PDB file of all heavy atoms in Angstrom:
ATOM      1  N   PHE A   1     -12.415  -9.004 -66.778  1.00  0.00           N
ATOM      2  CA  PHE A   1     -13.148  -7.773 -66.552  1.00  0.00           C
ATOM      3  C   PHE A   1     -12.236  -6.728 -65.915  1.00  0.00           C
ATOM      4  O   PHE A   1     -11.749  -7.016 -64.831  1.00  0.00           O
ATOM      5  CB  PHE A   1     -14.371  -8.089 -65.693  1.00  0.00           C
ATOM      6  CG  PHE A   1     -15.289  -9.054 -66.349  1.00  0.00           C
ATOM      7  CD1 PHE A   1     -15.187 -10.439 -66.048  1.00  0.00           C
ATOM      8  CD2 PHE A   1     -16.189  -8.747 -67.296  1.00  0.00           C
ATOM      9  CE1 PHE A   1     -15.968 -11.381 -66.628  1.00  0.00           C
ATOM     10  CE2 PHE A   1     -17.040  -9.644 -67.929  1.00  0.00           C
ATOM     11  CZ  PHE A   1     -16.872 -10.989 -67.582  1.00  0.00           C
ATOM     12  N   ALA A   2     -11.968  -5.654 -66.605  1.00  0.00           N
ATOM     13  CA  ALA A   2     -11.018  -4.714 -66.156  1.00  0.00           C
ATOM     14  C   ALA A   2     -11.630  -3.346 -66.036  1.00  0.00           C
ATOM     15  O   ALA A   2     -12.464  -2.984 -66.915  1.00  0.00           O
ATOM     16  CB  ALA A   2      -9.813  -4.626 -67.161  1.00  0.00           C
ATOM     17  N   GLU A   3     -11.275  -2.606 -65.063  1.00  0.00           N
ATOM     18  CA  GLU A   3     -11.742  -1.237 -64.868  1.00  0.00           C
ATOM     19  C   GLU A   3     -11.267  -0.394 -66.050  1.00  0.00           C
ATOM     20  O   GLU A   3     -10.093  -0.508 -66.492  1.00  0.00           O
ATOM     21  CB  GLU A   3     -11.256  -0.718 -63.487  1.00  0.00           C
ATOM     22  CG  GLU A   3     -11.888   0.639 -63.187  1.00  0.00           C
ATOM     23  CD  GLU A   3     -11.415   1.049 -61.763  1.00  0.00           C
ATOM     24  OE1 GLU A   3     -10.767   0.312 -61.017  1.00  0.00           O
ATOM     25  OE2 GLU A   3     -11.746   2.205 -61.432  1.00  0.00           O
ATOM     26  N   ASN A   4     -12.144   0.446 -66.497  1.00  0.00           N
ATOM     27  CA  ASN A   4     -11.849   1.287 -67.651  1.00  0.00           C
ATOM     28  C   ASN A   4     -11.113   2.561 -67.124  1.00  0.00           C
ATOM     29  O   ASN A   4     -11.735   3.566 -66.901  1.00  0.00           O
ATOM     30  CB  ASN A   4     -13.121   1.723 -68.441  1.00  0.00           C
ATOM     31  CG  ASN A   4     -12.777   2.301 -69.799  1.00  0.00           C
ATOM     32  OD1 ASN A   4     -11.666   2.521 -70.139  1.00  0.00           O
ATOM     33  ND2 ASN A   4     -13.870   2.617 -70.501  1.00  0.00           N
ATOM     34  N   ARG A   5      -9.833   2.403 -66.959  1.00  0.00           N
ATOM     35  CA  ARG A   5      -8.980   3.522 -66.360  1.00  0.00           C
ATOM     36  C   ARG A   5      -7.599   3.418 -66.936  1.00  0.00           C
ATOM     37  O   ARG A   5      -7.162   2.388 -67.438  1.00  0.00           O
ATOM     38  CB  ARG A   5      -8.985   3.537 -64.879  1.00  0.00           C
ATOM     39  CG  ARG A   5      -8.374   2.268 -64.306  1.00  0.00           C
ATOM     40  CD  ARG A   5      -8.124   2.377 -62.776  1.00  0.00           C
ATOM     41  NE  ARG A   5      -7.699   1.111 -62.192  1.00  0.00           N
ATOM     42  CZ  ARG A   5      -6.531   0.584 -62.373  1.00  0.00           C
ATOM     43  NH1 ARG A   5      -5.587   1.200 -63.096  1.00  0.00           N
ATOM     44  NH2 ARG A   5      -6.211  -0.606 -61.871  1.00  0.00           N
ATOM     45  N   LYS A   6      -6.842   4.555 -66.858  1.00  0.00           N
ATOM     46  CA  LYS A   6      -5.510   4.559 -67.334  1.00  0.00           C
ATOM     47  C   LYS A   6      -4.649   3.544 -66.644  1.00  0.00           C
ATOM     48  O   LYS A   6      -4.678   3.413 -65.406  1.00  0.00           O
ATOM     49  CB  LYS A   6      -4.968   5.941 -67.056  1.00  0.00           C
ATOM     50  CG  LYS A   6      -3.577   6.143 -67.598  1.00  0.00           C
ATOM     51  CD  LYS A   6      -3.027   7.567 -67.279  1.00  0.00           C
ATOM     52  CE  LYS A   6      -1.622   7.743 -67.748  1.00  0.00           C
ATOM     53  NZ  LYS A   6      -1.173   9.110 -67.422  1.00  0.00           N
ATOM     54  N   GLY A   7      -3.868   2.708 -67.439  1.00  0.00           N
ATOM     55  CA  GLY A   7      -2.971   1.743 -66.899  1.00  0.00           C
ATOM     56  C   GLY A   7      -3.498   0.390 -66.615  1.00  0.00           C
ATOM     57  O   GLY A   7      -2.771  -0.577 -66.309  1.00  0.00           O
ATOM     58  N   SER A   8      -4.829   0.191 -66.798  1.00  0.00           N
ATOM     59  CA  SER A   8      -5.480  -1.086 -66.494  1.00  0.00           C
ATOM     60  C   SER A   8      -4.949  -2.197 -67.373  1.00  0.00           C
ATOM     61  O   SER A   8      -4.664  -3.351 -66.864  1.00  0.00           O
ATOM     62  CB  SER A   8      -6.966  -0.956 -66.589  1.00  0.00           C
ATOM     63  OG  SER A   8      -7.604  -2.127 -66.244  1.00  0.00           O
ATOM     64  N   MET A   9      -4.916  -1.976 -68.676  1.00  0.00           N
ATOM     65  CA  MET A   9      -4.387  -2.986 -69.537  1.00  0.00           C
ATOM     66  C   MET A   9      -2.946  -3.286 -69.323  1.00  0.00           C
ATOM     67  O   MET A   9      -2.488  -4.442 -69.290  1.00  0.00           O
ATOM     68  CB  MET A   9      -4.580  -2.538 -71.040  1.00  0.00           C
ATOM     69  CG  MET A   9      -4.175  -3.518 -72.051  1.00  0.00           C
ATOM     70  SD  MET A   9      -5.287  -4.932 -72.022  1.00  0.00           S
ATOM     71  CE  MET A   9      -4.600  -5.828 -73.367  1.00  0.00           C
ATOM     72  N   ARG A  10      -2.185  -2.255 -69.029  1.00  0.00           N
ATOM     73  CA  ARG A  10      -0.736  -2.505 -68.829  1.00  0.00           C
ATOM     74  C   ARG A  10      -0.547  -3.372 -67.540  1.00  0.00           C
ATOM     75  O   ARG A  10       0.432  -4.145 -67.461  1.00  0.00           O
ATOM     76  CB  ARG A  10       0.034  -1.141 -68.633  1.00  0.00           C
ATOM     77  CG  ARG A  10       1.552  -1.366 -68.588  1.00  0.00           C
ATOM     78  CD  ARG A  10       2.262  -0.310 -67.817  1.00  0.00           C
ATOM     79  NE  ARG A  10       1.615   0.168 -66.561  1.00  0.00           N
ATOM     80  CZ  ARG A  10       1.723  -0.458 -65.434  1.00  0.00           C
ATOM     81  NH1 ARG A  10       2.356  -1.624 -65.277  1.00  0.00           N
ATOM     82  NH2 ARG A  10       1.099   0.041 -64.367  1.00  0.00           N
ATOM     83  N   GLU A  11      -1.318  -3.156 -66.511  1.00  0.00           N
ATOM     84  CA  GLU A  11      -1.206  -4.037 -65.313  1.00  0.00           C
ATOM     85  C   GLU A  11      -1.396  -5.494 -65.659  1.00  0.00           C
ATOM     86  O   GLU A  11      -0.676  -6.349 -65.119  1.00  0.00           O
ATOM     87  CB  GLU A  11      -2.255  -3.640 -64.277  1.00  0.00           C
ATOM     88  CG  GLU A  11      -1.950  -2.233 -63.673  1.00  0.00           C
ATOM     89  CD  GLU A  11      -3.160  -1.729 -62.760  1.00  0.00           C
ATOM     90  OE1 GLU A  11      -4.074  -2.492 -62.547  1.00  0.00           O
ATOM     91  OE2 GLU A  11      -3.016  -0.612 -62.306  1.00  0.00           O
ATOM     92  N   ILE A  12      -2.259  -5.800 -66.573  1.00  0.00           N
ATOM     93  CA  ILE A  12      -2.516  -7.193 -66.986  1.00  0.00           C
ATOM     94  C   ILE A  12      -1.281  -7.681 -67.774  1.00  0.00           C
ATOM     95  O   ILE A  12      -0.760  -8.752 -67.447  1.00  0.00           O
ATOM     96  CB  ILE A  12      -3.802  -7.262 -67.801  1.00  0.00           C
ATOM     97  CG1 ILE A  12      -5.007  -6.986 -66.964  1.00  0.00           C
ATOM     98  CG2 ILE A  12      -3.839  -8.646 -68.489  1.00  0.00           C
ATOM     99  CD1 ILE A  12      -6.266  -6.774 -67.772  1.00  0.00           C
ATOM    100  N   THR A  13      -0.853  -6.886 -68.685  1.00  0.00           N
ATOM    101  CA  THR A  13       0.287  -7.392 -69.504  1.00  0.00           C
ATOM    102  C   THR A  13       1.617  -7.462 -68.728  1.00  0.00           C
ATOM    103  O   THR A  13       2.379  -8.338 -68.884  1.00  0.00           O
ATOM    104  CB  THR A  13       0.499  -6.455 -70.783  1.00  0.00           C
ATOM    105  OG1 THR A  13       0.808  -5.128 -70.388  1.00  0.00           O
ATOM    106  CG2 THR A  13      -0.719  -6.495 -71.679  1.00  0.00           C
ATOM    107  N   GLU A  14       1.728  -6.567 -67.748  1.00  0.00           N
ATOM    108  CA  GLU A  14       2.917  -6.610 -66.902  1.00  0.00           C
ATOM    109  C   GLU A  14       2.916  -7.818 -65.999  1.00  0.00           C
ATOM    110  O   GLU A  14       3.978  -8.531 -65.865  1.00  0.00           O
ATOM    111  CB  GLU A  14       3.032  -5.346 -66.040  1.00  0.00           C
ATOM    112  CG  GLU A  14       4.256  -5.310 -65.158  1.00  0.00           C
ATOM    113  CD  GLU A  14       4.373  -3.973 -64.395  1.00  0.00           C
ATOM    114  OE1 GLU A  14       3.515  -3.706 -63.616  1.00  0.00           O
ATOM    115  OE2 GLU A  14       5.370  -3.275 -64.674  1.00  0.00           O
ATOM    116  N   LEU A  15       1.797  -8.152 -65.429  1.00  0.00           N
ATOM    117  CA  LEU A  15       1.647  -9.394 -64.630  1.00  0.00           C
ATOM    118  C   LEU A  15       2.012 -10.687 -65.470  1.00  0.00           C
ATOM    119  O   LEU A  15       2.823 -11.470 -65.001  1.00  0.00           O
ATOM    120  CB  LEU A  15       0.244  -9.507 -64.075  1.00  0.00           C
ATOM    121  CG  LEU A  15      -0.021 -10.722 -63.205  1.00  0.00           C
ATOM    122  CD1 LEU A  15       0.829 -10.710 -61.924  1.00  0.00           C
ATOM    123  CD2 LEU A  15      -1.507 -10.785 -62.855  1.00  0.00           C
ATOM    124  N   LEU A  16       1.500 -10.743 -66.657  1.00  0.00           N
ATOM    125  CA  LEU A  16       1.843 -11.842 -67.522  1.00  0.00           C
ATOM    126  C   LEU A  16       3.298 -11.832 -67.967  1.00  0.00           C
ATOM    127  O   LEU A  16       3.952 -12.920 -67.945  1.00  0.00           O
ATOM    128  CB  LEU A  16       0.876 -11.918 -68.718  1.00  0.00           C
ATOM    129  CG  LEU A  16      -0.613 -12.017 -68.404  1.00  0.00           C
ATOM    130  CD1 LEU A  16      -1.512 -11.970 -69.659  1.00  0.00           C
ATOM    131  CD2 LEU A  16      -0.871 -13.288 -67.616  1.00  0.00           C
ATOM    132  N   THR A  17       3.795 -10.699 -68.334  1.00  0.00           N
ATOM    133  CA  THR A  17       5.184 -10.613 -68.739  1.00  0.00           C
ATOM    134  C   THR A  17       6.122 -11.013 -67.601  1.00  0.00           C
ATOM    135  O   THR A  17       7.106 -11.745 -67.761  1.00  0.00           O
ATOM    136  CB  THR A  17       5.543  -9.126 -69.097  1.00  0.00           C
ATOM    137  OG1 THR A  17       4.723  -8.811 -70.278  1.00  0.00           O
ATOM    138  CG2 THR A  17       7.019  -8.993 -69.475  1.00  0.00           C
ATOM    139  N   ASN A  18       5.868 -10.481 -66.413  1.00  0.00           N
ATOM    140  CA  ASN A  18       6.716 -10.800 -65.242  1.00  0.00           C
ATOM    141  C   ASN A  18       6.709 -12.291 -64.904  1.00  0.00           C
ATOM    142  O   ASN A  18       7.582 -12.738 -64.121  1.00  0.00           O
ATOM    143  CB  ASN A  18       6.378  -9.932 -64.061  1.00  0.00           C
ATOM    144  CG  ASN A  18       6.750  -8.516 -64.219  1.00  0.00           C
ATOM    145  OD1 ASN A  18       7.537  -8.174 -65.146  1.00  0.00           O
ATOM    146  ND2 ASN A  18       6.112  -7.627 -63.415  1.00  0.00           N
ATOM    147  N   ASN A  19       5.755 -13.048 -65.393  1.00  0.00           N
ATOM    148  CA  ASN A  19       5.631 -14.459 -65.133  1.00  0.00           C
ATOM    149  C   ASN A  19       5.871 -15.281 -66.400  1.00  0.00           C
ATOM    150  O   ASN A  19       5.428 -16.432 -66.518  1.00  0.00           O
ATOM    151  CB  ASN A  19       4.261 -14.761 -64.490  1.00  0.00           C
ATOM    152  CG  ASN A  19       4.187 -14.293 -63.103  1.00  0.00           C
ATOM    153  OD1 ASN A  19       4.651 -14.971 -62.238  1.00  0.00           O
ATOM    154  ND2 ASN A  19       3.755 -13.022 -62.860  1.00  0.00           N
ATOM    155  N   SER A  20       6.540 -14.674 -67.378  1.00  0.00           N
ATOM    156  CA  SER A  20       6.963 -15.330 -68.611  1.00  0.00           C
ATOM    157  C   SER A  20       5.816 -15.991 -69.350  1.00  0.00           C
ATOM    158  O   SER A  20       5.902 -17.068 -69.918  1.00  0.00           O
ATOM    159  CB  SER A  20       8.033 -16.416 -68.260  1.00  0.00           C
ATOM    160  OG  SER A  20       9.176 -15.754 -67.666  1.00  0.00           O
ATOM    161  N   LEU A  21       4.670 -15.348 -69.366  1.00  0.00           N
ATOM    162  CA  LEU A  21       3.501 -15.844 -70.138  1.00  0.00           C
ATOM    163  C   LEU A  21       3.435 -15.039 -71.414  1.00  0.00           C
ATOM    164  O   LEU A  21       3.411 -13.763 -71.393  1.00  0.00           O
ATOM    165  CB  LEU A  21       2.219 -15.699 -69.277  1.00  0.00           C
ATOM    166  CG  LEU A  21       2.103 -16.719 -68.185  1.00  0.00           C
ATOM    167  CD1 LEU A  21       1.223 -16.243 -67.068  1.00  0.00           C
ATOM    168  CD2 LEU A  21       1.729 -18.113 -68.689  1.00  0.00           C
ATOM    169  N   ASN A  22       3.240 -15.745 -72.537  1.00  0.00           N
ATOM    170  CA  ASN A  22       3.223 -15.056 -73.827  1.00  0.00           C
ATOM    171  C   ASN A  22       1.816 -14.842 -74.319  1.00  0.00           C
ATOM    172  O   ASN A  22       1.033 -15.796 -74.345  1.00  0.00           O
ATOM    173  CB  ASN A  22       3.971 -15.892 -74.847  1.00  0.00           C
ATOM    174  CG  ASN A  22       4.372 -15.148 -76.086  1.00  0.00           C
ATOM    175  OD1 ASN A  22       4.177 -13.959 -76.144  1.00  0.00           O
ATOM    176  ND2 ASN A  22       4.870 -15.961 -77.087  1.00  0.00           N
ATOM    177  N   ILE A  23       1.503 -13.614 -74.675  1.00  0.00           N
ATOM    178  CA  ILE A  23       0.198 -13.262 -75.256  1.00  0.00           C
ATOM    179  C   ILE A  23       0.192 -13.508 -76.718  1.00  0.00           C
ATOM    180  O   ILE A  23       1.003 -12.848 -77.409  1.00  0.00           O
ATOM    181  CB  ILE A  23      -0.214 -11.858 -74.907  1.00  0.00           C
ATOM    182  CG1 ILE A  23      -0.249 -11.669 -73.393  1.00  0.00           C
ATOM    183  CG2 ILE A  23      -1.557 -11.471 -75.583  1.00  0.00           C
ATOM    184  CD1 ILE A  23      -0.326 -10.216 -72.954  1.00  0.00           C
ATOM    185  N   TYR A  24      -0.628 -14.369 -77.266  1.00  0.00           N
ATOM    186  CA  TYR A  24      -0.708 -14.579 -78.757  1.00  0.00           C
ATOM    187  C   TYR A  24      -1.677 -13.576 -79.322  1.00  0.00           C
ATOM    188  O   TYR A  24      -1.518 -13.204 -80.533  1.00  0.00           O
ATOM    189  CB  TYR A  24      -1.205 -16.021 -79.018  1.00  0.00           C
ATOM    190  CG  TYR A  24      -0.278 -17.076 -78.624  1.00  0.00           C
ATOM    191  CD1 TYR A  24      -0.750 -18.343 -78.161  1.00  0.00           C
ATOM    192  CD2 TYR A  24       1.117 -16.919 -78.726  1.00  0.00           C
ATOM    193  CE1 TYR A  24       0.155 -19.277 -77.761  1.00  0.00           C
ATOM    194  CE2 TYR A  24       1.997 -17.979 -78.384  1.00  0.00           C
ATOM    195  CZ  TYR A  24       1.441 -19.178 -77.871  1.00  0.00           C
ATOM    196  OH  TYR A  24       2.357 -20.163 -77.535  1.00  0.00           O
ATOM    197  N   CYS A  25      -2.714 -13.208 -78.651  1.00  0.00           N
ATOM    198  CA  CYS A  25      -3.742 -12.368 -79.222  1.00  0.00           C
ATOM    199  C   CYS A  25      -4.409 -11.648 -78.120  1.00  0.00           C
ATOM    200  O   CYS A  25      -4.689 -12.230 -77.030  1.00  0.00           O
ATOM    201  CB  CYS A  25      -4.712 -13.281 -80.004  1.00  0.00           C
ATOM    202  SG  CYS A  25      -6.050 -12.279 -80.786  1.00  0.00           S
ATOM    203  N   ALA A  26      -4.742 -10.355 -78.287  1.00  0.00           N
ATOM    204  CA  ALA A  26      -5.503  -9.589 -77.353  1.00  0.00           C
ATOM    205  C   ALA A  26      -6.499  -8.705 -78.017  1.00  0.00           C
ATOM    206  O   ALA A  26      -6.211  -8.061 -79.093  1.00  0.00           O
ATOM    207  CB  ALA A  26      -4.519  -8.751 -76.516  1.00  0.00           C
ATOM    208  N   ILE A  27      -7.659  -8.620 -77.463  1.00  0.00           N
ATOM    209  CA  ILE A  27      -8.698  -7.737 -77.979  1.00  0.00           C
ATOM    210  C   ILE A  27      -9.427  -7.148 -76.787  1.00  0.00           C
ATOM    211  O   ILE A  27      -9.635  -7.806 -75.801  1.00  0.00           O
ATOM    212  CB  ILE A  27      -9.655  -8.390 -78.971  1.00  0.00           C
ATOM    213  CG1 ILE A  27     -10.607  -7.374 -79.595  1.00  0.00           C
ATOM    214  CG2 ILE A  27     -10.408  -9.544 -78.331  1.00  0.00           C
ATOM    215  CD1 ILE A  27     -11.345  -7.920 -80.808  1.00  0.00           C
ATOM    216  N   THR A  28      -9.829  -5.862 -76.835  1.00  0.00           N
ATOM    217  CA  THR A  28     -10.541  -5.249 -75.764  1.00  0.00           C
ATOM    218  C   THR A  28     -11.863  -4.715 -76.255  1.00  0.00           C
ATOM    219  O   THR A  28     -11.964  -4.204 -77.346  1.00  0.00           O
ATOM    220  CB  THR A  28      -9.689  -4.184 -75.068  1.00  0.00           C
ATOM    221  OG1 THR A  28      -9.445  -3.118 -76.078  1.00  0.00           O
ATOM    222  CG2 THR A  28      -8.401  -4.633 -74.574  1.00  0.00           C
ATOM    223  N   ASN A  29     -12.833  -4.720 -75.390  1.00  0.00           N
ATOM    224  CA  ASN A  29     -14.170  -4.067 -75.589  1.00  0.00           C
ATOM    225  C   ASN A  29     -14.364  -3.227 -74.401  1.00  0.00           C
ATOM    226  O   ASN A  29     -14.179  -3.685 -73.280  1.00  0.00           O
ATOM    227  CB  ASN A  29     -15.258  -5.091 -75.800  1.00  0.00           C
ATOM    228  CG  ASN A  29     -15.015  -6.064 -76.881  1.00  0.00           C
ATOM    229  OD1 ASN A  29     -13.967  -6.308 -77.317  1.00  0.00           O
ATOM    230  ND2 ASN A  29     -16.061  -6.644 -77.373  1.00  0.00           N
ATOM    231  N   ASP A  30     -14.837  -2.002 -74.622  1.00  0.00           N
ATOM    232  CA  ASP A  30     -15.027  -1.212 -73.405  1.00  0.00           C
ATOM    233  C   ASP A  30     -16.424  -0.711 -73.267  1.00  0.00           C
ATOM    234  O   ASP A  30     -17.234  -0.743 -74.183  1.00  0.00           O
ATOM    235  CB  ASP A  30     -14.022   0.031 -73.434  1.00  0.00           C
ATOM    236  CG  ASP A  30     -14.441   1.011 -74.474  1.00  0.00           C
ATOM    237  OD1 ASP A  30     -15.153   0.699 -75.410  1.00  0.00           O
ATOM    238  OD2 ASP A  30     -14.011   2.197 -74.332  1.00  0.00           O
ATOM    239  N   SER A  31     -16.742  -0.293 -72.046  1.00  0.00           N
ATOM    240  CA  SER A  31     -17.945   0.377 -71.677  1.00  0.00           C
ATOM    241  C   SER A  31     -17.537   1.566 -70.848  1.00  0.00           C
ATOM    242  O   SER A  31     -16.382   1.843 -70.663  1.00  0.00           O
ATOM    243  CB  SER A  31     -18.918  -0.549 -71.008  1.00  0.00           C
ATOM    244  OG  SER A  31     -18.419  -0.935 -69.741  1.00  0.00           O
ATOM    245  N   ALA A  32     -18.551   2.270 -70.210  1.00  0.00           N
ATOM    246  CA  ALA A  32     -18.159   3.403 -69.459  1.00  0.00           C
ATOM    247  C   ALA A  32     -17.270   3.142 -68.321  1.00  0.00           C
ATOM    248  O   ALA A  32     -16.305   3.880 -68.076  1.00  0.00           O
ATOM    249  CB  ALA A  32     -19.447   4.113 -68.952  1.00  0.00           C
ATOM    250  N   GLU A  33     -17.519   2.061 -67.551  1.00  0.00           N
ATOM    251  CA  GLU A  33     -16.729   1.849 -66.328  1.00  0.00           C
ATOM    252  C   GLU A  33     -15.806   0.605 -66.406  1.00  0.00           C
ATOM    253  O   GLU A  33     -14.774   0.608 -65.790  1.00  0.00           O
ATOM    254  CB  GLU A  33     -17.690   1.699 -65.111  1.00  0.00           C
ATOM    255  CG  GLU A  33     -18.477   2.981 -64.843  1.00  0.00           C
ATOM    256  CD  GLU A  33     -19.377   2.812 -63.693  1.00  0.00           C
ATOM    257  OE1 GLU A  33     -19.138   1.862 -62.791  1.00  0.00           O
ATOM    258  OE2 GLU A  33     -20.263   3.620 -63.545  1.00  0.00           O
ATOM    259  N   TYR A  34     -16.216  -0.419 -67.190  1.00  0.00           N
ATOM    260  CA  TYR A  34     -15.430  -1.656 -67.270  1.00  0.00           C
ATOM    261  C   TYR A  34     -15.344  -2.074 -68.699  1.00  0.00           C
ATOM    262  O   TYR A  34     -16.163  -1.732 -69.541  1.00  0.00           O
ATOM    263  CB  TYR A  34     -16.070  -2.737 -66.430  1.00  0.00           C
ATOM    264  CG  TYR A  34     -15.837  -2.603 -64.964  1.00  0.00           C
ATOM    265  CD1 TYR A  34     -16.760  -1.835 -64.179  1.00  0.00           C
ATOM    266  CD2 TYR A  34     -14.704  -3.130 -64.338  1.00  0.00           C
ATOM    267  CE1 TYR A  34     -16.539  -1.649 -62.798  1.00  0.00           C
ATOM    268  CE2 TYR A  34     -14.559  -2.867 -62.973  1.00  0.00           C
ATOM    269  CZ  TYR A  34     -15.405  -2.201 -62.170  1.00  0.00           C
ATOM    270  OH  TYR A  34     -15.225  -1.971 -60.918  1.00  0.00           O
ATOM    271  N   GLY A  35     -14.260  -2.813 -68.979  1.00  0.00           N
ATOM    272  CA  GLY A  35     -14.072  -3.424 -70.263  1.00  0.00           C
ATOM    273  C   GLY A  35     -13.841  -4.835 -70.144  1.00  0.00           C
ATOM    274  O   GLY A  35     -13.544  -5.382 -68.997  1.00  0.00           O
ATOM    275  N   ILE A  36     -13.827  -5.559 -71.258  1.00  0.00           N
ATOM    276  CA  ILE A  36     -13.479  -6.999 -71.241  1.00  0.00           C
ATOM    277  C   ILE A  36     -12.262  -7.142 -72.121  1.00  0.00           C
ATOM    278  O   ILE A  36     -12.255  -6.616 -73.246  1.00  0.00           O
ATOM    279  CB  ILE A  36     -14.665  -7.836 -71.865  1.00  0.00           C
ATOM    280  CG1 ILE A  36     -15.924  -7.670 -71.031  1.00  0.00           C
ATOM    281  CG2 ILE A  36     -14.199  -9.295 -71.983  1.00  0.00           C
ATOM    282  CD1 ILE A  36     -17.114  -8.397 -71.644  1.00  0.00           C
ATOM    283  N   VAL A  37     -11.239  -7.680 -71.527  1.00  0.00           N
ATOM    284  CA  VAL A  37      -9.962  -8.014 -72.278  1.00  0.00           C
ATOM    285  C   VAL A  37     -10.001  -9.464 -72.571  1.00  0.00           C
ATOM    286  O   VAL A  37     -10.123 -10.313 -71.597  1.00  0.00           O
ATOM    287  CB  VAL A  37      -8.732  -7.641 -71.374  1.00  0.00           C
ATOM    288  CG1 VAL A  37      -7.491  -7.976 -72.126  1.00  0.00           C
ATOM    289  CG2 VAL A  37      -8.782  -6.183 -70.955  1.00  0.00           C
ATOM    290  N   ARG A  38      -9.959  -9.801 -73.818  1.00  0.00           N
ATOM    291  CA  ARG A  38      -9.901 -11.210 -74.252  1.00  0.00           C
ATOM    292  C   ARG A  38      -8.556 -11.554 -74.676  1.00  0.00           C
ATOM    293  O   ARG A  38      -7.974 -10.889 -75.561  1.00  0.00           O
ATOM    294  CB  ARG A  38     -10.940 -11.482 -75.298  1.00  0.00           C
ATOM    295  CG  ARG A  38     -12.353 -11.343 -74.807  1.00  0.00           C
ATOM    296  CD  ARG A  38     -13.419 -11.783 -75.787  1.00  0.00           C
ATOM    297  NE  ARG A  38     -14.723 -11.905 -75.133  1.00  0.00           N
ATOM    298  CZ  ARG A  38     -15.652 -10.948 -75.289  1.00  0.00           C
ATOM    299  NH1 ARG A  38     -15.451  -9.873 -76.045  1.00  0.00           N
ATOM    300  NH2 ARG A  38     -16.811 -11.100 -74.700  1.00  0.00           N
ATOM    301  N   LEU A  39      -7.940 -12.636 -74.098  1.00  0.00           N
ATOM    302  CA  LEU A  39      -6.572 -13.006 -74.444  1.00  0.00           C
ATOM    303  C   LEU A  39      -6.488 -14.467 -74.822  1.00  0.00           C
ATOM    304  O   LEU A  39      -7.136 -15.337 -74.216  1.00  0.00           O
ATOM    305  CB  LEU A  39      -5.692 -12.832 -73.208  1.00  0.00           C
ATOM    306  CG  LEU A  39      -5.556 -11.434 -72.574  1.00  0.00           C
ATOM    307  CD1 LEU A  39      -4.722 -11.514 -71.326  1.00  0.00           C
ATOM    308  CD2 LEU A  39      -4.917 -10.462 -73.566  1.00  0.00           C
ATOM    309  N   LEU A  40      -5.635 -14.711 -75.802  1.00  0.00           N
ATOM    310  CA  LEU A  40      -5.140 -16.054 -76.087  1.00  0.00           C
ATOM    311  C   LEU A  40      -3.653 -16.093 -75.624  1.00  0.00           C
ATOM    312  O   LEU A  40      -2.949 -15.205 -76.034  1.00  0.00           O
ATOM    313  CB  LEU A  40      -5.269 -16.466 -77.509  1.00  0.00           C
ATOM    314  CG  LEU A  40      -6.689 -16.383 -78.171  1.00  0.00           C
ATOM    315  CD1 LEU A  40      -6.588 -16.749 -79.636  1.00  0.00           C
ATOM    316  CD2 LEU A  40      -7.647 -17.236 -77.392  1.00  0.00           C
ATOM    317  N   VAL A  41      -3.326 -16.974 -74.730  1.00  0.00           N
ATOM    318  CA  VAL A  41      -1.964 -17.003 -74.215  1.00  0.00           C
ATOM    319  C   VAL A  41      -1.374 -18.450 -74.398  1.00  0.00           C
ATOM    320  O   VAL A  41      -2.115 -19.388 -74.616  1.00  0.00           O
ATOM    321  CB  VAL A  41      -1.917 -16.601 -72.693  1.00  0.00           C
ATOM    322  CG1 VAL A  41      -2.400 -15.152 -72.540  1.00  0.00           C
ATOM    323  CG2 VAL A  41      -2.790 -17.527 -71.784  1.00  0.00           C
ATOM    324  N   ASP A  42      -0.089 -18.506 -74.098  1.00  0.00           N
ATOM    325  CA  ASP A  42       0.565 -19.822 -74.267  1.00  0.00           C
ATOM    326  C   ASP A  42       0.284 -20.872 -73.144  1.00  0.00           C
ATOM    327  O   ASP A  42       0.292 -22.051 -73.404  1.00  0.00           O
ATOM    328  CB  ASP A  42       2.101 -19.665 -74.466  1.00  0.00           C
ATOM    329  CG  ASP A  42       2.798 -19.002 -73.223  1.00  0.00           C
ATOM    330  OD1 ASP A  42       2.116 -18.401 -72.395  1.00  0.00           O
ATOM    331  OD2 ASP A  42       4.035 -19.067 -73.194  1.00  0.00           O
ATOM    332  N   GLU A  43      -0.079 -20.383 -71.969  1.00  0.00           N
ATOM    333  CA  GLU A  43      -0.431 -21.260 -70.865  1.00  0.00           C
ATOM    334  C   GLU A  43      -1.692 -20.736 -70.158  1.00  0.00           C
ATOM    335  O   GLU A  43      -1.597 -20.057 -69.156  1.00  0.00           O
ATOM    336  CB  GLU A  43       0.717 -21.339 -69.866  1.00  0.00           C
ATOM    337  CG  GLU A  43       1.988 -21.977 -70.439  1.00  0.00           C
ATOM    338  CD  GLU A  43       3.049 -22.013 -69.391  1.00  0.00           C
ATOM    339  OE1 GLU A  43       2.854 -22.634 -68.322  1.00  0.00           O
ATOM    340  OE2 GLU A  43       4.163 -21.403 -69.630  1.00  0.00           O
ATOM    341  N   THR A  44      -2.822 -21.118 -70.705  1.00  0.00           N
ATOM    342  CA  THR A  44      -4.058 -20.488 -70.275  1.00  0.00           C
ATOM    343  C   THR A  44      -4.331 -20.785 -68.763  1.00  0.00           C
ATOM    344  O   THR A  44      -4.714 -19.866 -68.043  1.00  0.00           O
ATOM    345  CB  THR A  44      -5.232 -21.116 -71.097  1.00  0.00           C
ATOM    346  OG1 THR A  44      -4.996 -20.862 -72.529  1.00  0.00           O
ATOM    347  CG2 THR A  44      -6.541 -20.484 -70.716  1.00  0.00           C
TER     348      THR A  44
END
């Protein structure tokens, strides 16, 4: 559950990148204030 604001998705991807976690698939759904980011990663 991520706040719907500039840079929110990048914060997630940066955290995973900096910890050598690979994203296989990503999809986002948004609403006015929050969105849902769904990820498949190599080490859930």
